[in-house]
Amino acid sequence: MNAGSVRARWEDLPREVRDAVEARVGPPVVDFVYPAGGFTEGLAARVRSADGGEVFLKASPLGARMASHYRAEAAVGKSLPTAVAPLLLWSMEAGDWIVNAFEPVQGREPDLRPGSADLDGVLDAVGLMEKELTPCPFPGAGPVGATLSTLAGHWVRLAADPAGPRQDMWIASRRSLLEELDAPDRLVKLSAGDTLVHCDLRADNMLTESGTGRTRILDWSWGARGAAWVDAAFFVPQLIIAGHSPAGAEAALAARVPAWRAVAPEAANAFAVALTGYWSWHHGHGPGGALGAYRGRAAQAGRRWIDYRLALI
């Protein structure tokens, strides 16, 4: 995924922050590797000191909008098993910045395309989350319904929007059914459970390790307590974006993710409709750029998924 912002670099951090990091890693820091991708302006870098100390750093000014996400990621990270995610080594605040340090896993963003050698490992990682994260290991996790309720309700907003897609025949021909299925209360009820769910599964939030081929899940700032099928549902449109058919995406997940095999059709339908409405609204009313382009692709994938789900009703 293309970067959506110009990320901070090591030299952009205040001297106080760099000194605090070097006090933990070992001075001086001499090497930096900056990964591609992401939509935020914070620092993301693997750094190595002269004596060989190495960590993966994520950092943000405390006044930035994303600082709360970095705090949330540090809180959740203390409860994550290393089978699922890289180990959180430490978190600190210095010089009006928050800095999170993780084990420096060597790897790359996985390829989700049909036939990819990465695909089985990725799907196994999604399936492993249910096993490793049930019951929810993070005591501070809020209910996933609080997040999912913000996804629902956008089809009504789109229909009422004076600048909305009045000539969009796809929406017009499905409007009544979309609005019927797009019910926040129903989605909240169907998504209740006791698994720690990620709520933002995408290829750029995953890392396939060099050598082992194992995939681990990154960026847990949206972690919440809910039904294990939720993360598989978030992942279906990502597979469609990567080239899978909706039927192929669901079948691939069902083969390796027990929670998706057991998901109630009503829950899958409600989720697909809500998520696609959210993307459709924010594609038209968001910031544009790389994030807007991604939301447009996701909305199109979601439409294909909805048509597949509705054909099953």
Protein backbone atom coordinates (compact mmCIF):
# COMPACT_ATOMS: atom_id res chain seq x y z
CA MET A 1 0.00 0.00 0.00
CA ASN A 2 1.39 3.41 -0.90
CA ALA A 3 2.36 5.73 1.89
CA GLY A 4 -0.35 8.25 2.73
CA SER A 5 1.88 10.79 4.45
CA VAL A 6 5.48 11.88 4.84
CA ARG A 7 6.66 9.94 7.88
CA ALA A 8 9.01 11.42 10.44
CA ARG A 9 12.63 10.28 10.32
CA TRP A 10 15.13 9.76 13.13
CA GLU A 11 16.65 13.23 12.71
CA ASP A 12 13.16 14.79 13.04
CA LEU A 13 12.87 13.62 16.65
CA PRO A 14 13.83 16.21 19.29
CA ARG A 15 17.29 15.73 20.76
CA GLU A 16 15.73 14.82 24.12
CA VAL A 17 13.80 11.97 22.52
CA ARG A 18 16.82 10.63 20.63
CA ASP A 19 18.91 10.73 23.81
CA ALA A 20 16.22 8.81 25.71
CA VAL A 21 16.07 6.15 23.01
CA GLU A 22 19.85 5.82 22.86
CA ALA A 23 19.96 5.45 26.64
CA ARG A 24 17.89 2.28 26.21
CA VAL A 25 19.27 0.94 22.93
CA GLY A 26 22.89 1.99 23.42
CA PRO A 27 24.50 5.13 21.96
CA PRO A 28 24.93 6.08 19.28
CA VAL A 29 22.21 4.94 16.88
CA VAL A 30 24.03 4.39 13.59
CA ASP A 31 21.64 2.62 11.22
CA PHE A 32 18.01 3.12 10.23
CA VAL A 33 15.59 1.17 8.03
CA TYR A 34 12.29 2.88 7.20
CA PRO A 35 9.48 0.60 6.02
CA ALA A 36 7.18 1.69 3.20
CA GLY A 37 3.44 2.13 3.63
CA GLY A 38 1.13 3.50 6.28
CA PHE A 39 -1.11 6.55 6.53
CA THR A 40 0.32 8.37 9.56
CA GLU A 41 3.10 10.90 10.03
CA GLY A 42 4.77 9.30 13.04
CA LEU A 43 8.18 7.66 13.00
CA ALA A 44 8.37 3.99 12.03
CA ALA A 45 11.91 2.64 11.78
CA ARG A 46 14.18 -0.24 12.69
CA VAL A 47 17.18 1.30 14.42
CA ARG A 48 20.53 -0.22 15.38
CA SER A 49 23.16 1.15 17.74
CA ALA A 50 26.93 0.93 17.36
CA ASP A 51 27.12 -1.92 19.89
CA GLY A 52 24.48 -3.97 18.05
CA GLY A 53 21.36 -3.08 20.04
CA GLU A 54 18.38 -3.09 17.72
CA VAL A 55 14.65 -2.28 18.06
CA PHE A 56 11.73 -1.33 15.86
CA LEU A 57 10.50 2.11 16.91
CA LYS A 58 7.15 3.81 16.50
CA ALA A 59 6.92 7.39 17.73
CA SER A 60 4.52 10.31 17.60
CA PRO A 61 4.28 13.81 19.08
CA LEU A 62 1.89 13.77 22.03
CA GLY A 63 -0.08 16.59 20.44
CA ALA A 64 -0.73 14.65 17.24
CA ARG A 65 -4.08 13.00 16.56
CA MET A 66 -2.44 9.57 16.39
CA ALA A 67 -0.78 9.78 19.81
CA SER A 68 -3.81 8.12 21.42
CA HIS A 69 -3.40 5.20 19.02
CA TYR A 70 0.23 4.77 20.05
CA ARG A 71 -0.80 4.77 23.72
CA ALA A 72 -3.50 2.20 22.98
CA GLU A 73 -1.03 0.05 21.06
CA ALA A 74 1.36 0.10 24.02
CA ALA A 75 -1.42 -0.89 26.42
CA VAL A 76 -2.63 -3.79 24.27
CA GLY A 77 0.92 -4.86 23.40
CA LYS A 78 1.68 -5.90 26.97
CA SER A 79 -0.95 -8.66 26.66
CA LEU A 80 -0.11 -10.02 23.20
CA PRO A 81 1.63 -13.40 22.86
CA THR A 82 4.66 -13.45 20.56
CA ALA A 83 3.01 -16.19 18.49
CA VAL A 84 0.63 -13.48 17.28
CA ALA A 85 2.58 -10.20 17.36
CA PRO A 86 6.12 -8.90 17.80
CA LEU A 87 7.06 -8.43 21.46
CA LEU A 88 6.56 -4.95 22.92
CA LEU A 89 9.92 -4.24 24.58
CA TRP A 90 9.13 -0.90 26.21
CA SER A 91 7.12 2.30 25.88
CA MET A 92 8.03 5.76 27.15
CA GLU A 93 7.18 9.44 26.86
CA ALA A 94 9.96 12.00 26.45
CA GLY A 95 10.24 15.46 24.95
CA ASP A 96 6.47 15.58 24.31
CA TRP A 97 6.66 12.40 22.23
CA ILE A 98 5.49 8.84 22.85
CA VAL A 99 7.86 6.09 21.73
CA ASN A 100 7.03 2.37 21.50
CA ALA A 101 9.81 -0.17 20.93
CA PHE A 102 9.23 -3.67 19.56
CA GLU A 103 11.43 -6.64 18.81
CA PRO A 104 13.06 -6.01 15.40
CA VAL A 105 11.49 -8.81 13.37
CA GLN A 106 13.05 -9.17 9.93
CA GLY A 107 10.39 -9.56 7.27
CA ARG A 108 8.13 -7.89 4.73
CA GLU A 109 4.52 -7.17 3.94
CA PRO A 110 2.89 -10.40 2.70
CA ASP A 111 1.53 -10.90 -0.79
CA LEU A 112 -2.20 -11.68 -0.63
CA ARG A 113 -2.74 -12.43 -4.32
CA PRO A 114 -4.22 -15.79 -5.38
CA GLY A 115 -1.48 -18.39 -5.61
CA SER A 116 0.93 -16.42 -3.42
CA ALA A 117 3.38 -18.48 -1.39
CA ASP A 118 2.56 -16.19 1.55
CA LEU A 119 -1.16 -16.85 1.58
CA ASP A 120 -1.35 -20.02 3.67
CA GLY A 121 0.85 -18.52 6.37
CA VAL A 122 -1.26 -15.36 6.46
CA LEU A 123 -4.50 -17.32 6.80
CA ASP A 124 -2.96 -19.53 9.47
CA ALA A 125 -2.04 -16.37 11.39
CA VAL A 126 -5.65 -15.16 11.20
CA GLY A 127 -6.84 -18.54 12.46
CA LEU A 128 -4.26 -18.58 15.26
CA MET A 129 -5.58 -15.32 16.66
CA GLU A 130 -8.79 -17.03 17.80
CA LYS A 131 -6.84 -19.74 19.62
CA GLU A 132 -4.25 -17.47 21.24
CA LEU A 133 -6.52 -14.53 22.10
CA THR A 134 -9.54 -16.31 23.58
CA PRO A 135 -10.38 -15.57 26.32
CA CYS A 136 -9.39 -11.96 25.76
CA PRO A 137 -5.96 -11.48 27.43
CA PHE A 138 -6.18 -7.68 27.67
CA PRO A 139 -8.26 -6.61 30.70
CA GLY A 140 -8.67 -3.07 29.38
CA ALA A 141 -10.22 -4.05 26.06
CA GLY A 142 -13.50 -2.33 25.31
CA PRO A 143 -16.35 -4.05 23.44
CA VAL A 144 -15.84 -4.32 19.69
CA GLY A 145 -19.41 -3.16 19.25
CA ALA A 146 -18.28 0.36 20.17
CA THR A 147 -16.09 0.34 17.06
CA LEU A 148 -18.46 -1.51 14.75
CA SER A 149 -21.40 0.73 15.66
CA THR A 150 -19.47 3.63 14.08
CA LEU A 151 -19.30 1.68 10.80
CA ALA A 152 -23.03 1.21 10.46
CA GLY A 153 -25.62 3.74 9.32
CA HIS A 154 -23.78 5.28 6.38
CA TRP A 155 -26.12 4.11 3.62
CA VAL A 156 -28.87 6.37 5.00
CA ARG A 157 -26.36 9.24 5.13
CA LEU A 158 -25.33 8.59 1.53
CA ALA A 159 -28.94 8.61 0.39
CA ALA A 160 -29.62 11.91 2.18
CA ASP A 161 -26.41 13.64 1.07
CA PRO A 162 -27.18 16.45 -1.42
CA ALA A 163 -23.77 15.86 -2.99
CA GLY A 164 -24.10 12.10 -2.83
CA PRO A 165 -24.16 9.51 -5.62
CA ARG A 166 -27.72 10.14 -6.84
CA GLN A 167 -26.94 8.55 -10.18
CA ASP A 168 -25.24 5.52 -8.69
CA MET A 169 -27.39 2.70 -10.03
CA TRP A 170 -25.70 0.09 -7.85
CA ILE A 171 -26.87 1.91 -4.72
CA ALA A 172 -30.27 2.84 -6.15
CA SER A 173 -31.12 -0.75 -7.05
CA ARG A 174 -30.19 -2.05 -3.59
CA ARG A 175 -31.02 0.90 -1.37
CA SER A 176 -33.90 -0.55 0.65
CA LEU A 177 -32.04 -3.79 1.41
CA LEU A 178 -28.80 -1.98 2.25
CA GLU A 179 -30.60 0.27 4.71
CA GLU A 180 -32.49 -2.66 6.22
CA LEU A 181 -29.30 -4.64 6.87
CA ASP A 182 -27.28 -1.62 8.03
CA ALA A 183 -28.45 -1.61 11.65
CA PRO A 184 -25.93 -0.66 14.37
CA ASP A 185 -27.80 -2.38 17.20
CA ARG A 186 -27.94 -5.67 15.30
CA LEU A 187 -24.24 -5.53 14.43
CA VAL A 188 -23.27 -4.79 18.04
CA LYS A 189 -25.28 -7.77 19.27
CA LEU A 190 -23.92 -10.17 16.65
CA SER A 191 -20.28 -9.18 17.26
CA ALA A 192 -20.22 -9.76 21.03
CA GLY A 193 -17.64 -12.28 22.26
CA ASP A 194 -14.51 -12.81 24.35
CA THR A 195 -11.67 -12.75 21.80
CA LEU A 196 -9.17 -9.91 21.50
CA VAL A 197 -9.79 -8.72 17.94
CA HIS A 198 -7.55 -6.45 15.89
CA CYS A 199 -10.20 -4.58 13.84
CA ASP A 200 -7.83 -3.43 11.08
CA LEU A 201 -6.41 -6.51 9.36
CA ARG A 202 -4.64 -5.53 6.14
CA ALA A 203 -1.46 -6.68 4.46
CA ASP A 204 0.41 -3.59 5.69
CA ASN A 205 -0.53 -4.50 9.26
CA MET A 206 1.13 -7.90 8.85
CA LEU A 207 4.74 -9.04 8.68
CA THR A 208 5.88 -12.27 7.04
CA GLU A 209 9.17 -13.21 8.66
CA SER A 210 12.26 -13.85 6.61
CA GLY A 211 13.41 -17.45 6.90
CA THR A 212 10.44 -18.91 8.79
CA GLY A 213 7.65 -17.59 6.58
CA ARG A 214 5.55 -17.08 9.72
CA THR A 215 3.18 -14.10 9.65
CA ARG A 216 2.62 -11.90 12.68
CA ILE A 217 0.10 -9.11 13.20
CA LEU A 218 1.15 -5.48 13.76
CA ASP A 219 -0.51 -2.21 14.83
CA TRP A 220 -2.96 -3.16 17.58
CA SER A 221 -4.29 0.31 18.40
CA TRP A 222 -7.89 -0.74 17.65
CA GLY A 223 -7.78 -3.90 19.81
CA ALA A 224 -11.17 -4.74 21.35
CA ARG A 225 -13.12 -7.62 22.92
CA GLY A 226 -15.54 -9.36 20.57
CA ALA A 227 -16.44 -12.35 18.44
CA ALA A 228 -13.51 -14.13 16.77
CA TRP A 229 -15.16 -13.92 13.32
CA VAL A 230 -14.79 -10.12 13.28
CA ASP A 231 -11.15 -10.11 12.14
CA ALA A 232 -11.85 -12.64 9.39
CA ALA A 233 -14.69 -10.39 8.22
CA PHE A 234 -12.37 -7.38 8.10
CA PHE A 235 -9.99 -9.49 6.00
CA VAL A 236 -12.45 -10.68 3.32
CA PRO A 237 -12.39 -7.41 1.34
CA GLN A 238 -8.59 -7.26 1.62
CA LEU A 239 -8.42 -10.57 -0.22
CA ILE A 240 -10.87 -9.26 -2.83
CA ILE A 241 -8.71 -6.16 -3.35
CA ALA A 242 -5.75 -8.53 -3.86
CA GLY A 243 -7.54 -10.35 -6.69
CA HIS A 244 -9.65 -13.07 -5.07
CA SER A 245 -13.31 -13.48 -5.95
CA PRO A 246 -15.68 -12.96 -3.01
CA ALA A 247 -16.47 -16.70 -3.01
CA GLY A 248 -12.76 -17.54 -3.20
CA ALA A 249 -11.91 -15.14 -0.37
CA GLU A 250 -14.54 -16.62 1.93
CA ALA A 251 -13.54 -20.17 1.02
CA ALA A 252 -9.86 -19.48 1.68
CA LEU A 253 -10.68 -18.13 5.13
CA ALA A 254 -13.11 -20.94 5.92
CA ALA A 255 -10.40 -23.51 5.13
CA ARG A 256 -8.05 -22.18 7.83
CA VAL A 257 -10.06 -19.97 10.20
CA PRO A 258 -12.54 -21.89 12.38
CA ALA A 259 -14.41 -18.75 13.45
CA TRP A 260 -15.24 -17.92 9.85
CA ARG A 261 -16.60 -21.40 9.22
CA ALA A 262 -18.97 -20.88 12.14
CA VAL A 263 -20.05 -17.26 11.46
CA ALA A 264 -23.80 -16.73 11.21
CA PRO A 265 -24.85 -15.57 7.72
CA GLU A 266 -26.80 -12.73 9.31
CA ALA A 267 -23.61 -11.48 10.97
CA ALA A 268 -21.54 -11.69 7.77
CA ASN A 269 -24.24 -9.86 5.81
CA ALA A 270 -24.61 -7.07 8.37
CA PHE A 271 -20.84 -6.61 8.59
CA ALA A 272 -20.29 -6.51 4.82
CA VAL A 273 -23.02 -3.90 4.40
CA ALA A 274 -21.86 -1.72 7.29
CA LEU A 275 -18.18 -1.75 6.37
CA THR A 276 -18.85 -0.99 2.71
CA GLY A 277 -21.14 1.88 3.64
CA TYR A 278 -18.45 3.31 5.89
CA TRP A 279 -15.84 3.14 3.13
CA SER A 280 -18.24 4.57 0.56
CA TRP A 281 -19.09 7.56 2.76
CA HIS A 282 -15.51 8.33 3.74
CA HIS A 283 -14.23 7.90 0.21
CA GLY A 284 -16.49 10.76 -0.81
CA HIS A 285 -16.05 12.86 2.33
CA GLY A 286 -12.52 12.07 3.48
CA PRO A 287 -9.12 13.63 2.94
CA GLY A 288 -8.39 12.19 -0.52
CA GLY A 289 -4.83 11.27 -1.37
CA ALA A 290 -3.57 7.74 -0.81
CA LEU A 291 -6.04 7.09 2.01
CA GLY A 292 -8.95 8.24 -0.13
CA ALA A 293 -7.79 6.07 -3.02
CA TYR A 294 -7.54 3.06 -0.72
CA ARG A 295 -11.06 3.67 0.58
CA GLY A 296 -12.32 3.81 -2.99
CA ARG A 297 -10.76 0.43 -3.79
CA ALA A 298 -12.08 -1.00 -0.55
CA ALA A 299 -15.60 0.27 -1.27
CA GLN A 300 -15.56 -1.40 -4.69
CA ALA A 301 -14.36 -4.65 -3.15
CA GLY A 302 -17.10 -4.33 -0.55
CA ARG A 303 -19.76 -3.97 -3.24
CA ARG A 304 -18.62 -7.19 -4.85
CA TRP A 305 -18.73 -8.89 -1.46
CA ILE A 306 -22.25 -7.56 -0.76
CA ASP A 307 -23.53 -8.86 -4.08
CA TYR A 308 -22.10 -12.28 -3.28
CA ARG A 309 -23.62 -12.27 0.22
CA LEU A 310 -27.04 -11.07 -0.96
CA ALA A 311 -27.16 -13.77 -3.65
CA LEU A 312 -27.02 -16.30 -0.79
CA ILE A 313 -30.09 -14.92 0.97
